[in-house]
Amino acid sequence: MFLIRFLVRWTIYFLLITIGWVGLYALVPPPLTATMVMDENGFNKDWTSISQISPHMVRAVIAGEDGKFCSHDGFDGEAIKQAIARNREGGRIRGGSTISQQVAKNAFLWQGGGYFRKGLEAYFTFLIETLWSKKRIMEVYLNIAETGIGTYGVQAGSQRYFRKDAADLTRIQAARMAAALPQPKKRAVNGASGFTARYGNTIAARINVVKRDKLDGCIYK
């Protein structure tokens, strides 16, 4: 009986703390993340409202990271299956994480794998999809994603690479930043070549598709 009471009590504590934490971040910017604190290069960030971020940047990350962002519930089963199949074939390891899953990981957890971490990621993904709007999820993503060595968020990245505010990013500049997002410490934004350059060109073309097909409809009505 003692063990059952203990487990029930701590389950209630866990739910109250995590739901409150996620609810708080629906209203205020996350001040820090574990990734920032653990970054040996330090971190530079500058929170910027999504209204002050170029729509090109929003559409670029949808095109490059999560084409079904506005229509899924936080998980894209088809993308996960495709990622598993590609990884079994060898070559470049690719994930099937949605933008929502990346926000759950970056805002509330830590980098790395493991079933325990992935289980928590799924839990926090469910919470943010339930308690936040899609627009808020995108806003947090664009402000805490690592955009370069010691650089977090698209405003800090825009200033670093182009010496301009995120509101003024062109389609090509947004595509270049989005192409580097999966591996910002290894992929160059300026002077990109090889895969990153090709991927950036692909994203630039897809930006128009995202707008045309209203794949950004949960952000821009």
C-alpha atoms as a PDB file:
ATOM      1  CA  MET A   1       0.000   0.000   0.000  1.00  0.00           C
ATOM      2  CA  PHE A   2       2.828   2.392   0.858  1.00  0.00           C
ATOM      3  CA  LEU A   3       4.411   1.885  -2.558  1.00  0.00           C
ATOM      4  CA  ILE A   4       1.101   2.504  -4.320  1.00  0.00           C
ATOM      5  CA  ARG A   5       0.479   5.707  -2.337  1.00  0.00           C
ATOM      6  CA  PHE A   6       4.029   6.844  -3.059  1.00  0.00           C
ATOM      7  CA  LEU A   7       3.658   6.251  -6.802  1.00  0.00           C
ATOM      8  CA  VAL A   8       0.261   7.946  -6.939  1.00  0.00           C
ATOM      9  CA  ARG A   9       1.537  10.957  -5.015  1.00  0.00           C
ATOM     10  CA  TRP A  10       4.583  11.430  -7.229  1.00  0.00           C
ATOM     11  CA  THR A  11       2.560  10.885 -10.373  1.00  0.00           C
ATOM     12  CA  ILE A  12       0.253  13.703  -9.281  1.00  0.00           C
ATOM     13  CA  TYR A  13       3.261  15.922  -8.499  1.00  0.00           C
ATOM     14  CA  PHE A  14       4.787  15.144 -11.889  1.00  0.00           C
ATOM     15  CA  LEU A  15       1.562  15.976 -13.725  1.00  0.00           C
ATOM     16  CA  LEU A  16       1.007  19.217 -11.819  1.00  0.00           C
ATOM     17  CA  ILE A  17       4.585  20.402 -12.339  1.00  0.00           C
ATOM     18  CA  THR A  18       4.834  19.520 -16.006  1.00  0.00           C
ATOM     19  CA  ILE A  19       1.383  20.823 -16.947  1.00  0.00           C
ATOM     20  CA  GLY A  20       2.086  24.043 -15.057  1.00  0.00           C
ATOM     21  CA  TRP A  21       5.486  24.365 -16.729  1.00  0.00           C
ATOM     22  CA  VAL A  22       4.060  23.920 -20.207  1.00  0.00           C
ATOM     23  CA  GLY A  23       1.172  26.256 -19.380  1.00  0.00           C
ATOM     24  CA  LEU A  24       3.596  28.933 -18.223  1.00  0.00           C
ATOM     25  CA  TYR A  25       5.585  28.724 -21.468  1.00  0.00           C
ATOM     26  CA  ALA A  26       2.369  29.257 -23.380  1.00  0.00           C
ATOM     27  CA  LEU A  27       2.470  32.794 -21.994  1.00  0.00           C
ATOM     28  CA  VAL A  28       6.120  33.683 -21.381  1.00  0.00           C
ATOM     29  CA  PRO A  29       9.304  33.003 -23.376  1.00  0.00           C
ATOM     30  CA  PRO A  30      11.432  30.097 -22.132  1.00  0.00           C
ATOM     31  CA  PRO A  31      14.326  31.923 -20.428  1.00  0.00           C
ATOM     32  CA  LEU A  32      16.878  29.143 -20.945  1.00  0.00           C
ATOM     33  CA  THR A  33      17.084  25.583 -22.209  1.00  0.00           C
ATOM     34  CA  ALA A  34      19.289  22.692 -21.162  1.00  0.00           C
ATOM     35  CA  THR A  35      20.984  22.816 -24.558  1.00  0.00           C
ATOM     36  CA  MET A  36      21.930  26.474 -24.068  1.00  0.00           C
ATOM     37  CA  VAL A  37      23.237  25.924 -20.551  1.00  0.00           C
ATOM     38  CA  MET A  38      25.318  22.919 -21.623  1.00  0.00           C
ATOM     39  CA  ASP A  39      26.714  24.592 -24.749  1.00  0.00           C
ATOM     40  CA  GLU A  40      30.476  24.865 -24.273  1.00  0.00           C
ATOM     41  CA  ASN A  41      30.468  27.815 -26.694  1.00  0.00           C
ATOM     42  CA  GLY A  42      28.080  29.815 -24.548  1.00  0.00           C
ATOM     43  CA  PHE A  43      24.914  31.117 -26.120  1.00  0.00           C
ATOM     44  CA  ASN A  44      23.562  34.198 -27.825  1.00  0.00           C
ATOM     45  CA  LYS A  45      19.796  34.580 -28.149  1.00  0.00           C
ATOM     46  CA  ASP A  46      17.266  37.323 -28.765  1.00  0.00           C
ATOM     47  CA  TRP A  47      13.589  36.457 -28.314  1.00  0.00           C
ATOM     48  CA  THR A  48      11.493  37.847 -31.159  1.00  0.00           C
ATOM     49  CA  SER A  49       7.735  37.674 -31.634  1.00  0.00           C
ATOM     50  CA  ILE A  50       6.621  35.640 -34.622  1.00  0.00           C
ATOM     51  CA  SER A  51       5.000  38.807 -35.951  1.00  0.00           C
ATOM     52  CA  GLN A  52       8.525  40.216 -36.267  1.00  0.00           C
ATOM     53  CA  ILE A  53       9.905  37.193 -38.133  1.00  0.00           C
ATOM     54  CA  SER A  54       9.754  37.021 -41.907  1.00  0.00           C
ATOM     55  CA  PRO A  55       7.047  34.687 -43.250  1.00  0.00           C
ATOM     56  CA  HIS A  56       9.808  33.347 -45.515  1.00  0.00           C
ATOM     57  CA  MET A  57      11.494  31.907 -42.410  1.00  0.00           C
ATOM     58  CA  VAL A  58       8.299  30.302 -41.133  1.00  0.00           C
ATOM     59  CA  ARG A  59       7.614  28.753 -44.522  1.00  0.00           C
ATOM     60  CA  ALA A  60      11.238  27.661 -44.892  1.00  0.00           C
ATOM     61  CA  VAL A  61      11.176  25.570 -41.703  1.00  0.00           C
ATOM     62  CA  ILE A  62       7.827  24.060 -42.668  1.00  0.00           C
ATOM     63  CA  ALA A  63       9.277  23.223 -46.090  1.00  0.00           C
ATOM     64  CA  GLY A  64      12.515  21.837 -44.698  1.00  0.00           C
ATOM     65  CA  GLU A  65      11.523  20.316 -41.375  1.00  0.00           C
ATOM     66  CA  ASP A  66       7.825  19.498 -41.214  1.00  0.00           C
ATOM     67  CA  GLY A  67       5.551  19.854 -44.225  1.00  0.00           C
ATOM     68  CA  LYS A  68       2.538  18.576 -42.263  1.00  0.00           C
ATOM     69  CA  PHE A  69       3.066  20.906 -39.306  1.00  0.00           C
ATOM     70  CA  CYS A  70      -0.373  22.503 -39.544  1.00  0.00           C
ATOM     71  CA  SER A  71      -2.261  19.249 -40.020  1.00  0.00           C
ATOM     72  CA  HIS A  72      -0.692  16.712 -37.638  1.00  0.00           C
ATOM     73  CA  ASP A  73      -1.242  16.350 -33.890  1.00  0.00           C
ATOM     74  CA  GLY A  74       2.453  16.514 -33.049  1.00  0.00           C
ATOM     75  CA  PHE A  75       3.509  13.221 -34.604  1.00  0.00           C
ATOM     76  CA  ASP A  76       3.955  12.241 -38.239  1.00  0.00           C
ATOM     77  CA  GLY A  77       3.753   8.457 -38.407  1.00  0.00           C
ATOM     78  CA  GLU A  78       4.584   8.321 -42.100  1.00  0.00           C
ATOM     79  CA  ALA A  79       7.734  10.417 -41.669  1.00  0.00           C
ATOM     80  CA  ILE A  80       8.869   8.230 -38.771  1.00  0.00           C
ATOM     81  CA  LYS A  81       8.421   5.067 -40.840  1.00  0.00           C
ATOM     82  CA  GLN A  82      10.314   6.587 -43.767  1.00  0.00           C
ATOM     83  CA  ALA A  83      13.155   7.683 -41.482  1.00  0.00           C
ATOM     84  CA  ILE A  84      13.463   4.175 -40.020  1.00  0.00           C
ATOM     85  CA  ALA A  85      13.534   2.659 -43.501  1.00  0.00           C
ATOM     86  CA  ARG A  86      16.201   5.119 -44.740  1.00  0.00           C
ATOM     87  CA  ASN A  87      18.363   4.604 -41.675  1.00  0.00           C
ATOM     88  CA  ARG A  88      18.270   0.828 -42.144  1.00  0.00           C
ATOM     89  CA  GLU A  89      19.741   1.350 -45.601  1.00  0.00           C
ATOM     90  CA  GLY A  90      22.743   3.145 -44.116  1.00  0.00           C
ATOM     91  CA  GLY A  91      24.231   6.489 -45.027  1.00  0.00           C
ATOM     92  CA  ARG A  92      23.211   9.776 -43.418  1.00  0.00           C
ATOM     93  CA  ILE A  93      21.100   9.164 -40.294  1.00  0.00           C
ATOM     94  CA  ARG A  94      17.834  11.054 -40.453  1.00  0.00           C
ATOM     95  CA  GLY A  95      15.085  11.473 -37.887  1.00  0.00           C
ATOM     96  CA  GLY A  96      11.330  11.689 -38.256  1.00  0.00           C
ATOM     97  CA  SER A  97      10.751  14.342 -35.598  1.00  0.00           C
ATOM     98  CA  THR A  98       8.150  17.025 -36.182  1.00  0.00           C
ATOM     99  CA  ILE A  99       8.664  20.652 -35.216  1.00  0.00           C
ATOM    100  CA  SER A 100       6.422  19.990 -32.199  1.00  0.00           C
ATOM    101  CA  GLN A 101       8.670  17.149 -31.057  1.00  0.00           C
ATOM    102  CA  GLN A 102      11.739  19.304 -31.502  1.00  0.00           C
ATOM    103  CA  VAL A 103      10.181  22.039 -29.371  1.00  0.00           C
ATOM    104  CA  ALA A 104       9.301  19.494 -26.684  1.00  0.00           C
ATOM    105  CA  LYS A 105      12.902  18.294 -26.641  1.00  0.00           C
ATOM    106  CA  ASN A 106      14.569  21.689 -26.866  1.00  0.00           C
ATOM    107  CA  ALA A 107      12.341  23.565 -24.413  1.00  0.00           C
ATOM    108  CA  PHE A 108      11.856  20.951 -21.695  1.00  0.00           C
ATOM    109  CA  LEU A 109      14.463  18.207 -22.064  1.00  0.00           C
ATOM    110  CA  TRP A 110      18.024  17.567 -23.151  1.00  0.00           C
ATOM    111  CA  GLN A 111      19.828  16.374 -26.264  1.00  0.00           C
ATOM    112  CA  GLY A 112      20.585  12.717 -26.786  1.00  0.00           C
ATOM    113  CA  GLY A 113      18.662   9.529 -27.295  1.00  0.00           C
ATOM    114  CA  GLY A 114      17.369   6.747 -25.143  1.00  0.00           C
ATOM    115  CA  TYR A 115      13.862   5.392 -24.674  1.00  0.00           C
ATOM    116  CA  PHE A 116      13.301   7.319 -21.442  1.00  0.00           C
ATOM    117  CA  ARG A 117      14.111  10.669 -23.070  1.00  0.00           C
ATOM    118  CA  LYS A 118      12.019   9.793 -26.116  1.00  0.00           C
ATOM    119  CA  GLY A 119       9.117   8.841 -23.857  1.00  0.00           C
ATOM    120  CA  LEU A 120       9.276  12.194 -22.094  1.00  0.00           C
ATOM    121  CA  GLU A 121       9.529  13.909 -25.480  1.00  0.00           C
ATOM    122  CA  ALA A 122       6.293  12.236 -26.583  1.00  0.00           C
ATOM    123  CA  TYR A 123       4.597  13.305 -23.343  1.00  0.00           C
ATOM    124  CA  PHE A 124       5.679  16.942 -23.663  1.00  0.00           C
ATOM    125  CA  THR A 125       4.741  16.928 -27.360  1.00  0.00           C
ATOM    126  CA  PHE A 126       1.217  15.876 -26.380  1.00  0.00           C
ATOM    127  CA  LEU A 127       1.080  18.656 -23.776  1.00  0.00           C
ATOM    128  CA  ILE A 128       2.196  21.475 -26.059  1.00  0.00           C
ATOM    129  CA  GLU A 129      -0.126  20.316 -28.835  1.00  0.00           C
ATOM    130  CA  THR A 130      -2.963  20.348 -26.271  1.00  0.00           C
ATOM    131  CA  LEU A 131      -2.166  23.558 -24.392  1.00  0.00           C
ATOM    132  CA  TRP A 132      -0.508  25.727 -27.064  1.00  0.00           C
ATOM    133  CA  SER A 133      -1.635  26.973 -30.431  1.00  0.00           C
ATOM    134  CA  LYS A 134       0.308  25.935 -33.517  1.00  0.00           C
ATOM    135  CA  LYS A 135       1.396  29.540 -33.856  1.00  0.00           C
ATOM    136  CA  ARG A 136       2.893  29.460 -30.360  1.00  0.00           C
ATOM    137  CA  ILE A 137       4.697  26.200 -31.088  1.00  0.00           C
ATOM    138  CA  MET A 138       6.241  27.748 -34.186  1.00  0.00           C
ATOM    139  CA  GLU A 139       7.161  30.921 -32.319  1.00  0.00           C
ATOM    140  CA  VAL A 140       8.981  29.008 -29.584  1.00  0.00           C
ATOM    141  CA  TYR A 141      10.717  26.798 -32.151  1.00  0.00           C
ATOM    142  CA  LEU A 142      12.036  29.782 -34.089  1.00  0.00           C
ATOM    143  CA  ASN A 143      13.378  31.320 -30.895  1.00  0.00           C
ATOM    144  CA  ILE A 144      15.124  28.367 -29.243  1.00  0.00           C
ATOM    145  CA  ALA A 145      16.360  26.300 -32.188  1.00  0.00           C
ATOM    146  CA  GLU A 146      20.130  26.282 -32.513  1.00  0.00           C
ATOM    147  CA  THR A 147      21.022  28.304 -35.607  1.00  0.00           C
ATOM    148  CA  GLY A 148      24.808  28.251 -35.321  1.00  0.00           C
ATOM    149  CA  ILE A 149      27.694  27.742 -32.930  1.00  0.00           C
ATOM    150  CA  GLY A 150      26.541  29.333 -29.676  1.00  0.00           C
ATOM    151  CA  THR A 151      23.619  30.953 -31.512  1.00  0.00           C
ATOM    152  CA  TYR A 152      19.956  30.291 -30.741  1.00  0.00           C
ATOM    153  CA  GLY A 153      16.872  31.546 -32.507  1.00  0.00           C
ATOM    154  CA  VAL A 154      16.402  33.021 -35.958  1.00  0.00           C
ATOM    155  CA  GLN A 155      16.853  36.625 -34.812  1.00  0.00           C
ATOM    156  CA  ALA A 156      20.327  35.913 -33.417  1.00  0.00           C
ATOM    157  CA  GLY A 157      21.091  33.803 -36.479  1.00  0.00           C
ATOM    158  CA  SER A 158      19.904  36.495 -38.863  1.00  0.00           C
ATOM    159  CA  GLN A 159      22.100  39.080 -37.184  1.00  0.00           C
ATOM    160  CA  ARG A 160      25.061  36.709 -37.196  1.00  0.00           C
ATOM    161  CA  TYR A 161      24.880  35.690 -40.833  1.00  0.00           C
ATOM    162  CA  PHE A 162      23.216  38.604 -42.600  1.00  0.00           C
ATOM    163  CA  ARG A 163      23.508  41.580 -40.233  1.00  0.00           C
ATOM    164  CA  LYS A 164      19.777  42.173 -40.374  1.00  0.00           C
ATOM    165  CA  ASP A 165      16.654  41.490 -38.346  1.00  0.00           C
ATOM    166  CA  ALA A 166      14.698  38.282 -38.861  1.00  0.00           C
ATOM    167  CA  ALA A 167      11.802  40.382 -40.154  1.00  0.00           C
ATOM    168  CA  ASP A 168      13.894  41.346 -43.185  1.00  0.00           C
ATOM    169  CA  LEU A 169      15.117  37.904 -44.272  1.00  0.00           C
ATOM    170  CA  THR A 170      14.729  37.179 -47.956  1.00  0.00           C
ATOM    171  CA  ARG A 171      13.442  33.877 -49.299  1.00  0.00           C
ATOM    172  CA  ILE A 172      16.966  32.701 -50.159  1.00  0.00           C
ATOM    173  CA  GLN A 173      18.413  33.730 -46.798  1.00  0.00           C
ATOM    174  CA  ALA A 174      15.601  31.988 -44.915  1.00  0.00           C
ATOM    175  CA  ALA A 175      16.122  28.843 -46.989  1.00  0.00           C
ATOM    176  CA  ARG A 176      19.849  28.835 -46.207  1.00  0.00           C
ATOM    177  CA  MET A 177      19.194  29.070 -42.476  1.00  0.00           C
ATOM    178  CA  ALA A 178      16.565  26.332 -42.636  1.00  0.00           C
ATOM    179  CA  ALA A 179      18.929  24.052 -44.559  1.00  0.00           C
ATOM    180  CA  ALA A 180      21.508  24.331 -41.773  1.00  0.00           C
ATOM    181  CA  LEU A 181      19.054  23.778 -38.896  1.00  0.00           C
ATOM    182  CA  PRO A 182      19.416  19.993 -38.512  1.00  0.00           C
ATOM    183  CA  GLN A 183      23.185  20.323 -37.916  1.00  0.00           C
ATOM    184  CA  PRO A 184      23.916  24.007 -37.221  1.00  0.00           C
ATOM    185  CA  LYS A 185      27.408  23.367 -35.867  1.00  0.00           C
ATOM    186  CA  LYS A 186      28.474  21.544 -39.035  1.00  0.00           C
ATOM    187  CA  ARG A 187      26.489  23.127 -41.872  1.00  0.00           C
ATOM    188  CA  ALA A 188      27.462  26.555 -43.168  1.00  0.00           C
ATOM    189  CA  VAL A 189      24.806  29.182 -43.805  1.00  0.00           C
ATOM    190  CA  ASN A 190      27.058  31.523 -45.721  1.00  0.00           C
ATOM    191  CA  GLY A 191      29.256  29.909 -48.347  1.00  0.00           C
ATOM    192  CA  ALA A 192      27.392  26.605 -48.151  1.00  0.00           C
ATOM    193  CA  SER A 193      28.351  23.909 -50.632  1.00  0.00           C
ATOM    194  CA  GLY A 194      27.468  20.324 -51.480  1.00  0.00           C
ATOM    195  CA  PHE A 195      24.393  18.869 -49.796  1.00  0.00           C
ATOM    196  CA  THR A 196      23.622  22.012 -47.752  1.00  0.00           C
ATOM    197  CA  ALA A 197      23.662  24.234 -50.845  1.00  0.00           C
ATOM    198  CA  ARG A 198      21.448  21.842 -52.796  1.00  0.00           C
ATOM    199  CA  TYR A 199      19.073  21.429 -49.881  1.00  0.00           C
ATOM    200  CA  GLY A 200      18.868  25.198 -49.449  1.00  0.00           C
ATOM    201  CA  ASN A 201      17.892  25.591 -53.103  1.00  0.00           C
ATOM    202  CA  THR A 202      15.227  22.922 -52.683  1.00  0.00           C
ATOM    203  CA  ILE A 203      13.794  24.651 -49.627  1.00  0.00           C
ATOM    204  CA  ALA A 204      13.786  28.010 -51.444  1.00  0.00           C
ATOM    205  CA  ALA A 205      11.631  26.479 -54.171  1.00  0.00           C
ATOM    206  CA  ARG A 206       9.339  24.790 -51.651  1.00  0.00           C
ATOM    207  CA  ILE A 207       8.659  28.068 -49.820  1.00  0.00           C
ATOM    208  CA  ASN A 208       6.398  29.127 -52.662  1.00  0.00           C
ATOM    209  CA  VAL A 209       4.629  25.748 -52.505  1.00  0.00           C
ATOM    210  CA  VAL A 210       4.013  26.134 -48.771  1.00  0.00           C
ATOM    211  CA  LYS A 211       2.385  29.512 -49.405  1.00  0.00           C
ATOM    212  CA  ARG A 212       0.426  28.363 -52.465  1.00  0.00           C
ATOM    213  CA  ASP A 213      -0.954  25.243 -50.824  1.00  0.00           C
ATOM    214  CA  LYS A 214      -1.589  27.021 -47.511  1.00  0.00           C
ATOM    215  CA  LEU A 215       0.584  24.601 -45.582  1.00  0.00           C
ATOM    216  CA  ASP A 216       1.156  27.555 -43.252  1.00  0.00           C
ATOM    217  CA  GLY A 217      -2.593  28.060 -42.697  1.00  0.00           C
ATOM    218  CA  CYS A 218      -2.335  27.562 -38.931  1.00  0.00           C
ATOM    219  CA  ILE A 219       0.077  30.519 -38.789  1.00  0.00           C
ATOM    220  CA  TYR A 220      -1.268  32.888 -41.420  1.00  0.00           C
ATOM    221  CA  LYS A 221      -5.034  32.967 -41.848  1.00  0.00           C
END
